[in-house]
Amino acid sequence: MRWHSLADMRRSRGVWSGVDWRSDEGRFPVGALLAVLVVAAVGYGAYWFLGENGFLGEPEAEASQDVEAAGQDEEDPRPEWLQDTDHQVPAIVVPEDDRMPQSRNLEPWVWDEVDEDWGLTVIRVGEGDQYTWFSDVQELYLVSPSEDLFKVAEFDTTINRDVVHWDPELLTSWIKRSDGAAYEQVIEFDLRDQKNTYDFAASALSTANRVENGIANLDVVGVQPDDYELWVSFDANGDATGVLWRDGEEWIGSLVDSEIGRQVRQGFSEDRGMPAWIDASTGRAVYHGQYVDPDLGTVTEHVWLVHDLLTDTVTEAVVDVPGANCNPLGGGHGGEFDGDRIVAVCGGTEYLLDPYAGGAAVER
């Protein structure tokens, strides 16, 4: 191919390459590209700056936290005593006798959740024939804080049984066996193994309460300031024959038992004990004996014992009384204190007596 001039040659090359380098349409947009790069760089720099300075959150973390928060806000339908465990409420057990309440299956792990918020009770129905049995059905139940019942044991119905006291830490209970006798046997009952112990506190108990099959007439009073648990033993009239303490599995006797026994032998008792005012919260007790002259048939002499339950020291006291037959307001060992005085009923009238300072009796 021949060109007539340099201009023809240039025009021909421009057409051959497919691009007319002389027009705006054929030029590469270098300026626009640079502008885009600059904007992108600025945007990335701003994003990096905001992210480094904590202005931008982490979307995935926030989403995860939202899900967790939503899960925590959902109410746990289980009872509160189960909410920190992996367990579900045990299944309901339908009773064989429809007069008994429905209970839940006592699964082994339930014992691990038992604490002082739980209860223990005997439920019985029917009256039996009152000769060979005293009820138709008699069963022992654990009661959860949500009032769910768990059957622990089924007792025979030849005698009534009731819970005197129980220790949720030791899973041990003390059960009274009642058949109308003046002295009612108390046994120690292991809730898990369901084993009876008949002489659990014999060495610490007043001899007046030791019977052929163990011990009898024993009741819990309360917890003293020194954290010992105070118990009282009593005779057929409810008068105190002595006190004793429980410290976990250990039973501790008191010196007052022998002192009460001495007063009984001297005739200051109608049976084997003395009317008593006992206050575990302050660690004190007062016992009162009266001597009835067999010839006159009237009270001719009084004896008062003041007992410091925290040190187990017993001293005699002189108490002003307005008349004979001054007994605890509640009778037996149910006496109460009013400050440093005791509440007594003397001849049908309530008085405040002072066994500590020997002050005059004051009508209440």
Protein backbone atom coordinates (compact mmCIF):
# COMPACT_ATOMS: atom_id res chain seq x y z
CA MET A 1 0.00 0.00 0.00
CA ARG A 2 1.28 3.41 -0.87
CA TRP A 3 0.68 6.65 0.94
CA HIS A 4 0.67 9.96 -0.79
CA SER A 5 1.69 11.91 2.29
CA LEU A 6 2.60 11.64 5.94
CA ALA A 7 -0.91 12.78 6.87
CA ASP A 8 -2.38 9.94 4.81
CA MET A 9 -0.16 7.49 6.57
CA ARG A 10 -1.25 8.75 10.03
CA ARG A 11 -4.90 8.65 9.03
CA SER A 12 -4.49 5.13 7.70
CA ARG A 13 -2.83 3.88 10.94
CA GLY A 14 -5.55 5.39 13.02
CA VAL A 15 -8.25 3.55 11.04
CA TRP A 16 -6.32 0.27 10.97
CA SER A 17 -5.93 0.10 14.71
CA GLY A 18 -9.68 0.48 15.17
CA VAL A 19 -9.32 3.53 17.34
CA ASP A 20 -9.33 7.08 16.35
CA TRP A 21 -6.79 8.54 18.68
CA ARG A 22 -7.83 11.99 17.72
CA SER A 23 -11.42 11.75 19.15
CA ASP A 24 -12.64 11.97 22.84
CA GLU A 25 -14.56 8.73 22.43
CA GLY A 26 -11.49 6.77 21.73
CA ARG A 27 -9.42 8.07 24.63
CA PHE A 28 -8.94 5.84 27.84
CA PRO A 29 -10.63 7.54 30.90
CA VAL A 30 -7.54 7.71 33.09
CA GLY A 31 -8.84 10.66 35.09
CA ALA A 32 -12.06 8.91 36.04
CA LEU A 33 -10.16 5.83 37.18
CA LEU A 34 -7.91 7.91 39.38
CA ALA A 35 -10.95 9.62 40.91
CA VAL A 36 -12.53 6.26 41.77
CA LEU A 37 -9.31 5.03 43.37
CA VAL A 38 -9.01 8.18 45.43
CA VAL A 39 -12.61 7.89 46.70
CA ALA A 40 -12.09 4.20 47.55
CA ALA A 41 -8.90 4.95 49.42
CA VAL A 42 -10.54 7.71 51.39
CA GLY A 43 -13.50 5.44 52.23
CA TYR A 44 -11.28 2.59 53.38
CA GLY A 45 -9.20 4.97 55.46
CA ALA A 46 -12.31 6.32 57.16
CA TYR A 47 -13.58 2.78 57.85
CA TRP A 48 -10.21 1.76 59.26
CA PHE A 49 -10.06 4.87 61.43
CA LEU A 50 -13.56 4.34 62.83
CA GLY A 51 -12.92 0.68 63.43
CA GLU A 52 -9.62 1.26 65.21
CA ASN A 53 -11.20 3.81 67.51
CA GLY A 54 -14.14 1.62 68.44
CA PHE A 55 -16.83 3.49 66.55
CA LEU A 56 -17.78 0.40 64.60
CA GLY A 57 -19.07 -2.68 66.42
CA GLU A 58 -18.59 -6.28 65.48
CA PRO A 59 -21.83 -7.37 63.83
CA GLU A 60 -21.31 -11.06 64.48
CA ALA A 61 -20.55 -10.54 68.19
CA GLU A 62 -23.54 -8.25 68.59
CA ALA A 63 -25.81 -10.78 66.95
CA SER A 64 -24.49 -13.52 69.20
CA GLN A 65 -25.02 -11.37 72.30
CA ASP A 66 -28.56 -10.59 71.19
CA VAL A 67 -29.33 -14.29 70.86
CA GLU A 68 -27.86 -15.04 74.27
CA ALA A 69 -29.79 -12.18 75.84
CA ALA A 70 -32.97 -13.44 74.27
CA GLY A 71 -32.30 -16.89 75.71
CA GLN A 72 -31.67 -15.45 79.19
CA ASP A 73 -34.89 -13.48 79.09
CA GLU A 74 -36.93 -16.64 78.58
CA GLU A 75 -38.56 -17.74 81.85
CA ASP A 76 -37.47 -21.12 83.22
CA PRO A 77 -40.68 -23.09 83.79
CA ARG A 78 -39.09 -25.35 86.40
CA PRO A 79 -39.44 -24.73 90.17
CA GLU A 80 -36.80 -22.42 91.63
CA TRP A 81 -35.10 -25.25 93.53
CA LEU A 82 -34.37 -26.94 90.18
CA GLN A 83 -33.28 -23.93 88.12
CA ASP A 84 -29.55 -24.24 88.85
CA THR A 85 -29.53 -27.94 87.93
CA ASP A 86 -29.74 -30.06 84.80
CA HIS A 87 -32.72 -31.98 86.14
CA GLN A 88 -36.40 -31.86 85.29
CA VAL A 89 -39.31 -32.27 87.69
CA PRO A 90 -39.78 -36.02 88.29
CA ALA A 91 -42.85 -37.77 86.97
CA ILE A 92 -46.06 -37.97 88.97
CA VAL A 93 -46.81 -41.20 90.80
CA VAL A 94 -50.49 -42.05 91.14
CA PRO A 95 -51.21 -43.33 94.68
CA GLU A 96 -52.60 -46.80 95.19
CA ASP A 97 -55.19 -45.37 97.57
CA ASP A 98 -57.06 -42.48 95.94
CA ARG A 99 -57.45 -40.80 99.33
CA MET A 100 -53.71 -40.14 99.40
CA PRO A 101 -52.22 -37.18 97.51
CA GLN A 102 -50.36 -37.50 94.23
CA SER A 103 -46.61 -37.38 94.63
CA ARG A 104 -43.56 -37.35 92.41
CA ASN A 105 -41.03 -40.09 91.88
CA LEU A 106 -38.26 -39.80 94.47
CA GLU A 107 -35.28 -40.09 92.15
CA PRO A 108 -31.87 -40.48 93.84
CA TRP A 109 -30.63 -37.02 92.78
CA VAL A 110 -33.52 -35.33 94.64
CA TRP A 111 -31.73 -35.93 97.95
CA ASP A 112 -28.88 -33.71 96.76
CA GLU A 113 -31.27 -30.76 96.47
CA VAL A 114 -32.78 -31.10 99.95
CA ASP A 115 -32.01 -28.26 102.37
CA GLU A 116 -33.64 -26.30 105.18
CA ASP A 117 -36.33 -25.00 102.81
CA TRP A 118 -37.77 -28.50 102.49
CA GLY A 119 -40.25 -30.12 104.85
CA LEU A 120 -40.97 -33.60 106.12
CA THR A 121 -44.42 -34.80 107.15
CA VAL A 122 -46.53 -37.87 107.79
CA ILE A 123 -49.83 -38.16 105.91
CA ARG A 124 -52.40 -40.73 106.94
CA VAL A 125 -56.01 -41.41 106.06
CA GLY A 126 -58.73 -43.50 107.63
CA GLU A 127 -59.29 -44.35 111.28
CA GLY A 128 -58.60 -48.07 111.18
CA ASP A 129 -60.46 -50.07 113.79
CA GLN A 130 -58.71 -48.29 116.73
CA TYR A 131 -57.69 -51.69 118.13
CA THR A 132 -55.22 -53.40 115.83
CA TRP A 133 -54.52 -50.41 113.57
CA PHE A 134 -55.08 -46.68 113.94
CA SER A 135 -55.34 -45.61 110.30
CA ASP A 136 -55.81 -47.16 106.88
CA VAL A 137 -52.72 -45.73 105.18
CA GLN A 138 -49.74 -43.92 106.72
CA GLU A 139 -46.84 -42.56 104.67
CA LEU A 140 -43.85 -40.26 105.10
CA TYR A 141 -43.29 -37.51 102.53
CA LEU A 142 -40.64 -34.96 101.63
CA VAL A 143 -42.15 -31.59 100.75
CA SER A 144 -40.22 -29.42 98.29
CA PRO A 145 -40.20 -25.59 98.43
CA SER A 146 -42.68 -25.70 95.53
CA GLU A 147 -44.89 -28.03 97.63
CA ASP A 148 -44.24 -31.10 95.50
CA LEU A 149 -44.56 -34.30 97.53
CA PHE A 150 -42.04 -37.14 97.38
CA LYS A 151 -42.97 -40.37 99.11
CA VAL A 152 -40.14 -41.54 101.37
CA ALA A 153 -41.64 -44.52 103.18
CA GLU A 154 -44.87 -46.31 103.98
CA PHE A 155 -45.40 -47.05 107.66
CA ASP A 156 -47.50 -49.79 109.20
CA THR A 157 -50.77 -48.62 110.69
CA THR A 158 -50.57 -50.41 114.04
CA ILE A 159 -49.40 -47.15 115.62
CA ASN A 160 -49.47 -43.47 114.65
CA ARG A 161 -46.20 -41.88 113.65
CA ASP A 162 -45.35 -38.17 113.54
CA VAL A 163 -42.23 -36.17 112.81
CA VAL A 164 -40.73 -34.65 115.96
CA HIS A 165 -37.81 -33.08 114.12
CA TRP A 166 -35.48 -33.71 111.18
CA ASP A 167 -32.07 -32.64 109.92
CA PRO A 168 -31.94 -31.95 106.14
CA GLU A 169 -28.14 -31.97 106.17
CA LEU A 170 -27.87 -35.41 107.77
CA LEU A 171 -31.09 -36.62 106.09
CA THR A 172 -32.12 -37.95 109.48
CA SER A 173 -35.48 -37.64 111.22
CA TRP A 174 -36.86 -38.34 114.68
CA ILE A 175 -40.24 -40.01 114.64
CA LYS A 176 -42.71 -40.29 117.54
CA ARG A 177 -44.71 -43.52 117.78
CA SER A 178 -48.04 -42.81 119.47
CA ASP A 179 -50.65 -45.30 120.68
CA GLY A 180 -52.15 -43.34 123.55
CA ALA A 181 -49.62 -44.46 126.17
CA ALA A 182 -48.21 -41.96 128.66
CA TYR A 183 -44.70 -42.54 127.35
CA GLU A 184 -44.39 -42.40 123.56
CA GLN A 185 -41.33 -43.90 121.94
CA VAL A 186 -39.12 -41.73 119.73
CA ILE A 187 -36.89 -43.36 117.12
CA GLU A 188 -34.19 -42.04 114.85
CA PHE A 189 -35.02 -42.75 111.21
CA ASP A 190 -32.50 -42.57 108.35
CA LEU A 191 -34.41 -41.13 105.40
CA ARG A 192 -32.25 -42.67 102.67
CA ASP A 193 -31.59 -46.09 104.14
CA GLN A 194 -34.89 -46.21 106.06
CA LYS A 195 -33.16 -47.72 109.08
CA ASN A 196 -34.33 -47.22 112.65
CA THR A 197 -32.06 -46.46 115.60
CA TYR A 198 -33.76 -46.92 118.96
CA ASP A 199 -31.13 -45.82 121.51
CA PHE A 200 -29.67 -42.87 119.58
CA ALA A 201 -29.35 -40.58 122.64
CA ALA A 202 -29.59 -43.04 125.52
CA SER A 203 -26.27 -42.03 127.10
CA ALA A 204 -27.28 -38.36 127.17
CA LEU A 205 -30.88 -38.84 128.21
CA SER A 206 -32.50 -38.79 131.64
CA THR A 207 -32.96 -42.28 133.04
CA ALA A 208 -36.63 -41.40 133.52
CA ASN A 209 -37.09 -41.57 129.75
CA ARG A 210 -35.35 -44.83 128.99
CA VAL A 211 -37.89 -47.49 128.12
CA GLU A 212 -37.63 -51.11 127.10
CA ASN A 213 -37.39 -50.45 123.37
CA GLY A 214 -35.29 -47.31 123.51
CA ILE A 215 -36.29 -43.83 124.65
CA ALA A 216 -39.56 -41.93 125.06
CA ASN A 217 -41.10 -38.48 125.49
CA LEU A 218 -38.51 -36.34 123.78
CA ASP A 219 -39.05 -33.01 122.01
CA VAL A 220 -36.91 -30.36 120.34
CA VAL A 221 -36.94 -26.84 121.83
CA GLY A 222 -34.78 -24.80 119.45
CA VAL A 223 -31.28 -23.60 118.65
CA GLN A 224 -29.26 -21.77 121.30
CA PRO A 225 -26.93 -18.79 120.68
CA ASP A 226 -23.99 -21.23 120.75
CA ASP A 227 -25.60 -23.14 117.84
CA TYR A 228 -26.32 -26.21 119.93
CA GLU A 229 -29.77 -27.68 119.34
CA LEU A 230 -31.67 -27.93 122.61
CA TRP A 231 -34.02 -30.84 123.38
CA VAL A 232 -36.14 -31.60 126.43
CA SER A 233 -37.31 -34.88 127.94
CA PHE A 234 -40.54 -34.98 129.92
CA ASP A 235 -42.84 -37.20 131.98
CA ALA A 236 -46.48 -38.18 131.51
CA ASN A 237 -47.61 -34.74 132.76
CA GLY A 238 -45.33 -32.92 130.37
CA ASP A 239 -43.02 -31.77 133.16
CA ALA A 240 -39.31 -31.68 132.31
CA THR A 241 -37.18 -34.59 133.41
CA GLY A 242 -34.08 -33.03 131.86
CA VAL A 243 -32.54 -31.44 128.81
CA LEU A 244 -29.89 -32.48 126.32
CA TRP A 245 -28.16 -31.01 123.32
CA ARG A 246 -27.49 -32.20 119.78
CA ASP A 247 -24.42 -31.16 117.84
CA GLY A 248 -24.72 -32.87 114.47
CA GLU A 249 -24.56 -36.60 115.19
CA GLU A 250 -23.41 -36.10 118.80
CA TRP A 251 -25.77 -36.00 121.78
CA ILE A 252 -24.68 -34.23 124.98
CA GLY A 253 -26.31 -34.74 128.39
CA SER A 254 -26.95 -32.13 131.08
CA LEU A 255 -26.21 -31.98 134.80
CA VAL A 256 -29.74 -30.82 135.47
CA ASP A 257 -31.10 -34.34 134.89
CA SER A 258 -29.59 -35.63 138.13
CA GLU A 259 -30.66 -32.50 140.03
CA ILE A 260 -34.26 -32.91 138.88
CA GLY A 261 -34.05 -36.61 139.80
CA ARG A 262 -32.88 -35.66 143.31
CA GLN A 263 -35.82 -33.28 143.78
CA VAL A 264 -38.20 -35.97 142.53
CA ARG A 265 -36.89 -38.44 145.11
CA GLN A 266 -37.43 -35.84 147.83
CA GLY A 267 -41.08 -35.50 146.85
CA PHE A 268 -41.04 -32.25 144.88
CA SER A 269 -42.75 -33.81 141.88
CA GLU A 270 -46.05 -35.44 141.02
CA ASP A 271 -44.34 -37.84 138.62
CA ARG A 272 -40.75 -37.88 137.34
CA GLY A 273 -40.23 -34.28 136.28
CA MET A 274 -40.67 -30.62 137.24
CA PRO A 275 -42.69 -27.86 135.52
CA ALA A 276 -40.26 -25.82 133.45
CA TRP A 277 -39.75 -22.54 131.64
CA ILE A 278 -37.23 -23.07 128.84
CA ASP A 279 -35.95 -20.46 126.38
CA ALA A 280 -33.42 -21.70 123.82
CA SER A 281 -32.98 -18.26 122.23
CA THR A 282 -31.47 -16.84 125.43
CA GLY A 283 -30.05 -20.09 126.78
CA ARG A 284 -31.88 -20.22 130.10
CA ALA A 285 -34.36 -22.39 131.96
CA VAL A 286 -36.20 -22.39 135.28
CA TYR A 287 -37.67 -25.45 137.07
CA HIS A 288 -40.19 -25.44 139.89
CA GLY A 289 -40.92 -28.20 142.39
CA GLN A 290 -43.61 -28.24 145.08
CA TYR A 291 -43.81 -30.49 148.08
CA VAL A 292 -47.28 -31.61 149.03
CA ASP A 293 -47.58 -32.63 152.65
CA PRO A 294 -49.23 -36.06 152.61
CA ASP A 295 -51.03 -35.40 155.90
CA LEU A 296 -52.32 -31.94 155.01
CA GLY A 297 -52.72 -32.46 151.28
CA THR A 298 -51.41 -28.95 150.61
CA VAL A 299 -48.21 -27.42 149.25
CA THR A 300 -45.90 -26.65 152.12
CA GLU A 301 -42.58 -26.08 150.38
CA HIS A 302 -41.18 -24.85 147.03
CA VAL A 303 -37.89 -25.43 145.26
CA TRP A 304 -36.68 -23.38 142.31
CA LEU A 305 -33.78 -24.24 140.02
CA VAL A 306 -32.22 -21.71 137.65
CA HIS A 307 -30.34 -23.29 134.76
CA ASP A 308 -27.82 -21.54 132.51
CA LEU A 309 -28.08 -23.63 129.35
CA LEU A 310 -24.93 -22.15 127.81
CA THR A 311 -22.66 -23.24 130.68
CA ASP A 312 -24.84 -26.05 132.06
CA THR A 313 -24.74 -24.62 135.58
CA VAL A 314 -27.66 -25.11 137.96
CA THR A 315 -28.34 -23.02 141.07
CA GLU A 316 -31.21 -22.86 143.55
CA ALA A 317 -33.19 -19.63 143.74
CA VAL A 318 -35.66 -17.97 146.07
CA VAL A 319 -38.79 -16.85 144.26
CA ASP A 320 -41.66 -14.84 145.70
CA VAL A 321 -44.94 -16.61 144.91
CA PRO A 322 -48.44 -15.31 145.68
CA GLY A 323 -49.79 -18.75 146.48
CA ALA A 324 -49.58 -22.44 145.85
CA ASN A 325 -49.64 -24.26 142.54
CA CYS A 326 -47.65 -21.76 140.48
CA ASN A 327 -47.15 -23.43 137.14
CA PRO A 328 -46.09 -22.41 133.63
CA LEU A 329 -48.75 -20.67 131.60
CA GLY A 330 -48.49 -23.36 128.91
CA GLY A 331 -48.25 -26.19 131.43
CA GLY A 332 -45.58 -28.88 131.58
CA HIS A 333 -42.41 -27.61 129.97
CA GLY A 334 -44.20 -24.96 127.88
CA GLY A 335 -43.39 -22.01 130.14
CA GLU A 336 -42.49 -18.62 128.68
CA PHE A 337 -40.31 -15.69 129.73
CA ASP A 338 -41.21 -12.02 129.86
CA GLY A 339 -37.86 -10.29 130.04
CA ASP A 340 -36.07 -11.63 133.10
CA ARG A 341 -39.31 -12.85 134.64
CA ILE A 342 -41.33 -15.97 134.02
CA VAL A 343 -45.06 -16.11 133.33
CA ALA A 344 -46.85 -18.32 135.86
CA VAL A 345 -50.43 -19.14 136.72
CA CYS A 346 -50.94 -19.11 140.46
CA GLY A 347 -54.42 -19.94 141.69
CA GLY A 348 -55.92 -19.13 138.30
CA THR A 349 -54.25 -15.69 138.01
CA GLU A 350 -51.29 -14.85 135.80
CA TYR A 351 -48.22 -13.45 137.54
CA LEU A 352 -44.72 -12.40 136.54
CA LEU A 353 -42.25 -14.09 138.90
CA ASP A 354 -38.62 -13.11 139.37
CA PRO A 355 -36.28 -16.12 139.77
CA TYR A 356 -33.13 -14.04 139.20
CA ALA A 357 -33.33 -10.99 141.46
CA GLY A 358 -35.96 -12.27 143.88
CA GLY A 359 -38.35 -9.39 143.26
CA ALA A 360 -41.96 -9.42 144.35
CA ALA A 361 -44.52 -11.23 142.21
CA VAL A 362 -46.42 -8.90 139.89
CA GLU A 363 -49.89 -9.63 138.64
CA ARG A 364 -49.88 -9.65 134.85
